Each structure stands twice: as C-alpha cells, then as structure tokens.
N, C-alpha and C. Protein backbone atom coordinates (compact mmCIF):
# COMPACT_ATOMS: atom_id res chain seq x y z
N MET A 1 7.66 -8.19 7.46
CA MET A 1 6.45 -7.88 6.73
C MET A 1 6.21 -9.01 5.71
N ASP A 2 5.32 -9.91 6.05
CA ASP A 2 5.03 -11.05 5.18
C ASP A 2 4.43 -10.62 3.85
N PHE A 3 3.68 -9.55 3.83
CA PHE A 3 3.04 -9.11 2.60
C PHE A 3 4.07 -8.80 1.52
N SER A 4 5.23 -8.32 1.92
CA SER A 4 6.27 -7.97 0.93
C SER A 4 6.77 -9.20 0.17
N LYS A 5 6.54 -10.39 0.72
CA LYS A 5 6.95 -11.62 0.07
C LYS A 5 5.81 -12.30 -0.67
N SER A 6 4.64 -11.67 -0.64
CA SER A 6 3.46 -12.28 -1.25
C SER A 6 3.53 -12.23 -2.77
N ARG A 7 2.76 -13.10 -3.38
CA ARG A 7 2.68 -13.14 -4.84
C ARG A 7 2.17 -11.81 -5.40
N ARG A 8 1.21 -11.23 -4.72
CA ARG A 8 0.64 -9.96 -5.20
C ARG A 8 1.66 -8.83 -5.18
N CYS A 9 2.39 -8.71 -4.10
CA CYS A 9 3.40 -7.65 -4.01
C CYS A 9 4.48 -7.85 -5.06
N THR A 10 4.91 -9.07 -5.24
CA THR A 10 5.93 -9.37 -6.25
C THR A 10 5.42 -9.04 -7.65
N ARG A 11 4.19 -9.44 -7.93
CA ARG A 11 3.59 -9.17 -9.24
C ARG A 11 3.48 -7.67 -9.51
N GLU A 12 2.99 -6.93 -8.53
CA GLU A 12 2.82 -5.49 -8.71
C GLU A 12 4.16 -4.78 -8.86
N ALA A 13 5.16 -5.23 -8.13
CA ALA A 13 6.50 -4.65 -8.28
C ALA A 13 7.03 -4.90 -9.68
N GLY A 14 6.80 -6.08 -10.21
CA GLY A 14 7.24 -6.40 -11.57
C GLY A 14 6.55 -5.56 -12.61
N ARG A 15 5.24 -5.41 -12.46
CA ARG A 15 4.48 -4.59 -13.41
C ARG A 15 4.93 -3.13 -13.36
N LEU A 16 5.10 -2.63 -12.15
CA LEU A 16 5.52 -1.25 -11.98
C LEU A 16 6.92 -1.04 -12.55
N ALA A 17 7.81 -1.98 -12.30
CA ALA A 17 9.18 -1.88 -12.83
C ALA A 17 9.17 -1.79 -14.35
N ALA A 18 8.32 -2.57 -14.99
CA ALA A 18 8.23 -2.54 -16.45
C ALA A 18 7.72 -1.19 -16.95
N VAL A 19 6.74 -0.63 -16.24
CA VAL A 19 6.16 0.65 -16.65
C VAL A 19 7.15 1.80 -16.49
N ILE A 20 7.87 1.82 -15.37
CA ILE A 20 8.76 2.96 -15.12
C ILE A 20 10.20 2.70 -15.57
N GLY A 21 10.47 1.49 -16.06
CA GLY A 21 11.79 1.20 -16.61
C GLY A 21 12.89 1.05 -15.59
N GLU A 22 12.56 0.48 -14.44
CA GLU A 22 13.57 0.24 -13.40
C GLU A 22 13.65 -1.25 -13.10
N ASP A 23 14.71 -1.65 -12.42
CA ASP A 23 14.91 -3.02 -12.01
C ASP A 23 13.82 -3.44 -11.01
N GLN A 24 13.30 -4.66 -11.17
CA GLN A 24 12.22 -5.13 -10.30
C GLN A 24 12.63 -5.17 -8.83
N ARG A 25 13.84 -5.59 -8.54
CA ARG A 25 14.28 -5.65 -7.14
C ARG A 25 14.35 -4.26 -6.52
N THR A 26 14.80 -3.29 -7.31
CA THR A 26 14.87 -1.91 -6.82
C THR A 26 13.48 -1.38 -6.53
N VAL A 27 12.57 -1.62 -7.45
CA VAL A 27 11.19 -1.15 -7.27
C VAL A 27 10.55 -1.82 -6.07
N ARG A 28 10.75 -3.11 -5.94
CA ARG A 28 10.17 -3.83 -4.80
C ARG A 28 10.73 -3.29 -3.48
N ALA A 29 12.02 -3.02 -3.43
CA ALA A 29 12.62 -2.45 -2.22
C ALA A 29 12.02 -1.09 -1.90
N LYS A 30 11.80 -0.27 -2.92
CA LYS A 30 11.19 1.04 -2.71
C LYS A 30 9.77 0.88 -2.16
N LEU A 31 9.00 -0.02 -2.77
CA LEU A 31 7.62 -0.24 -2.31
C LEU A 31 7.59 -0.73 -0.87
N VAL A 32 8.45 -1.67 -0.54
CA VAL A 32 8.49 -2.21 0.82
C VAL A 32 8.86 -1.10 1.81
N GLY A 33 9.81 -0.26 1.44
CA GLY A 33 10.18 0.86 2.32
C GLY A 33 9.03 1.82 2.55
N MET A 34 8.30 2.11 1.48
CA MET A 34 7.15 3.02 1.61
C MET A 34 6.04 2.38 2.43
N LEU A 35 5.79 1.09 2.23
CA LEU A 35 4.77 0.40 3.01
C LEU A 35 5.16 0.33 4.48
N ALA A 36 6.42 0.12 4.76
CA ALA A 36 6.89 0.09 6.15
C ALA A 36 6.70 1.45 6.81
N ALA A 37 6.92 2.52 6.05
CA ALA A 37 6.72 3.86 6.60
C ALA A 37 5.25 4.10 6.93
N VAL A 38 4.37 3.60 6.08
CA VAL A 38 2.93 3.72 6.35
C VAL A 38 2.58 2.99 7.64
N ALA A 39 3.06 1.77 7.78
CA ALA A 39 2.76 0.99 8.99
C ALA A 39 3.31 1.65 10.24
N ALA A 40 4.51 2.20 10.16
CA ALA A 40 5.11 2.87 11.32
C ALA A 40 4.31 4.10 11.71
N THR A 41 3.82 4.81 10.72
CA THR A 41 3.02 6.00 11.00
C THR A 41 1.70 5.64 11.67
N LEU A 42 1.10 4.55 11.22
CA LEU A 42 -0.18 4.12 11.79
C LEU A 42 -0.02 3.48 13.16
N GLN A 43 1.16 3.01 13.46
CA GLN A 43 1.49 2.38 14.74
C GLN A 43 0.55 1.22 15.08
N ARG A 44 0.30 0.38 14.07
CA ARG A 44 -0.47 -0.83 14.30
C ARG A 44 -0.14 -1.84 13.21
N ASP A 45 -0.42 -3.09 13.50
CA ASP A 45 -0.19 -4.14 12.53
C ASP A 45 -1.32 -4.12 11.51
N LEU A 46 -0.97 -4.32 10.26
CA LEU A 46 -1.96 -4.36 9.19
C LEU A 46 -2.16 -5.79 8.71
N ARG A 47 -3.38 -6.12 8.37
CA ARG A 47 -3.67 -7.42 7.78
C ARG A 47 -3.34 -7.35 6.30
N GLU A 48 -3.29 -8.51 5.64
CA GLU A 48 -2.92 -8.54 4.23
C GLU A 48 -3.84 -7.69 3.37
N ASP A 49 -5.13 -7.75 3.63
CA ASP A 49 -6.07 -6.92 2.86
C ASP A 49 -5.78 -5.43 3.05
N ASP A 50 -5.35 -5.05 4.24
CA ASP A 50 -5.01 -3.64 4.50
C ASP A 50 -3.78 -3.22 3.71
N TRP A 51 -2.80 -4.12 3.58
CA TRP A 51 -1.58 -3.81 2.84
C TRP A 51 -1.85 -3.55 1.36
N GLN A 52 -2.85 -4.21 0.83
CA GLN A 52 -3.15 -4.07 -0.59
C GLN A 52 -3.59 -2.66 -0.95
N ARG A 53 -4.25 -2.00 -0.06
CA ARG A 53 -4.74 -0.65 -0.33
C ARG A 53 -3.62 0.36 -0.54
N PRO A 54 -2.66 0.49 0.40
CA PRO A 54 -1.57 1.44 0.12
C PRO A 54 -0.70 1.00 -1.04
N LEU A 55 -0.55 -0.32 -1.25
CA LEU A 55 0.21 -0.79 -2.40
C LEU A 55 -0.45 -0.31 -3.69
N ASP A 56 -1.76 -0.46 -3.79
CA ASP A 56 -2.47 0.01 -4.99
C ASP A 56 -2.28 1.51 -5.20
N ALA A 57 -2.36 2.27 -4.12
CA ALA A 57 -2.18 3.72 -4.23
C ALA A 57 -0.77 4.08 -4.69
N LEU A 58 0.23 3.42 -4.14
CA LEU A 58 1.61 3.71 -4.53
C LEU A 58 1.87 3.35 -5.98
N VAL A 59 1.35 2.21 -6.42
CA VAL A 59 1.52 1.81 -7.82
C VAL A 59 0.85 2.83 -8.73
N LEU A 60 -0.34 3.25 -8.38
CA LEU A 60 -1.04 4.25 -9.19
C LEU A 60 -0.25 5.56 -9.28
N ILE A 61 0.25 6.02 -8.17
CA ILE A 61 1.00 7.29 -8.14
C ILE A 61 2.31 7.18 -8.92
N LEU A 62 3.03 6.08 -8.73
CA LEU A 62 4.32 5.93 -9.40
C LEU A 62 4.20 5.63 -10.88
N ALA A 63 3.19 4.86 -11.25
CA ALA A 63 3.03 4.47 -12.67
C ALA A 63 2.32 5.54 -13.49
N HIS A 64 1.49 6.33 -12.82
CA HIS A 64 0.68 7.33 -13.54
C HIS A 64 0.66 8.65 -12.78
N PRO A 65 1.81 9.32 -12.68
CA PRO A 65 1.85 10.59 -11.94
C PRO A 65 0.97 11.65 -12.61
N SER A 66 0.40 12.51 -11.80
CA SER A 66 -0.41 13.58 -12.37
C SER A 66 0.50 14.56 -13.11
N GLU A 67 -0.08 15.19 -14.08
CA GLU A 67 0.72 16.12 -14.90
C GLU A 67 0.46 17.55 -14.54
C-alpha cells in the first residue's frame, strides 16, 4: 500500500498520535491496518485520492469520538 508511505498519511498519523497521546509508529500501524481492512472489504484497488477519504474518517473518529 503506497499510500501508507505518503507524506499525507505520515502527517495525519503524527497529528493523531499527538492528539490521542500515543506513539506515532503505533498510530500509523493502526491506521494502515484499518485502511487495509477497508480495501479488502471493497475487493478493489483504491487510488490515492480514494485512500484519503477513509483516512480522514478514521482520524475524525479516533481524534474526536462522539460522547
């Protein structure tokens, strides 16, 4: 998954790690695992723009959970 190595994914993982107080590598691994599960469920290859959408949703959910 090339997107997991992109500047955007790395940046978002770092921001999320700071918000939730976890190690950036751990957060990035969690995000990559969740994104891989999304791709497997869809059973198709996603373009980089497509990857950004679930990444945004995961960051929103993890950084700002509903109360």
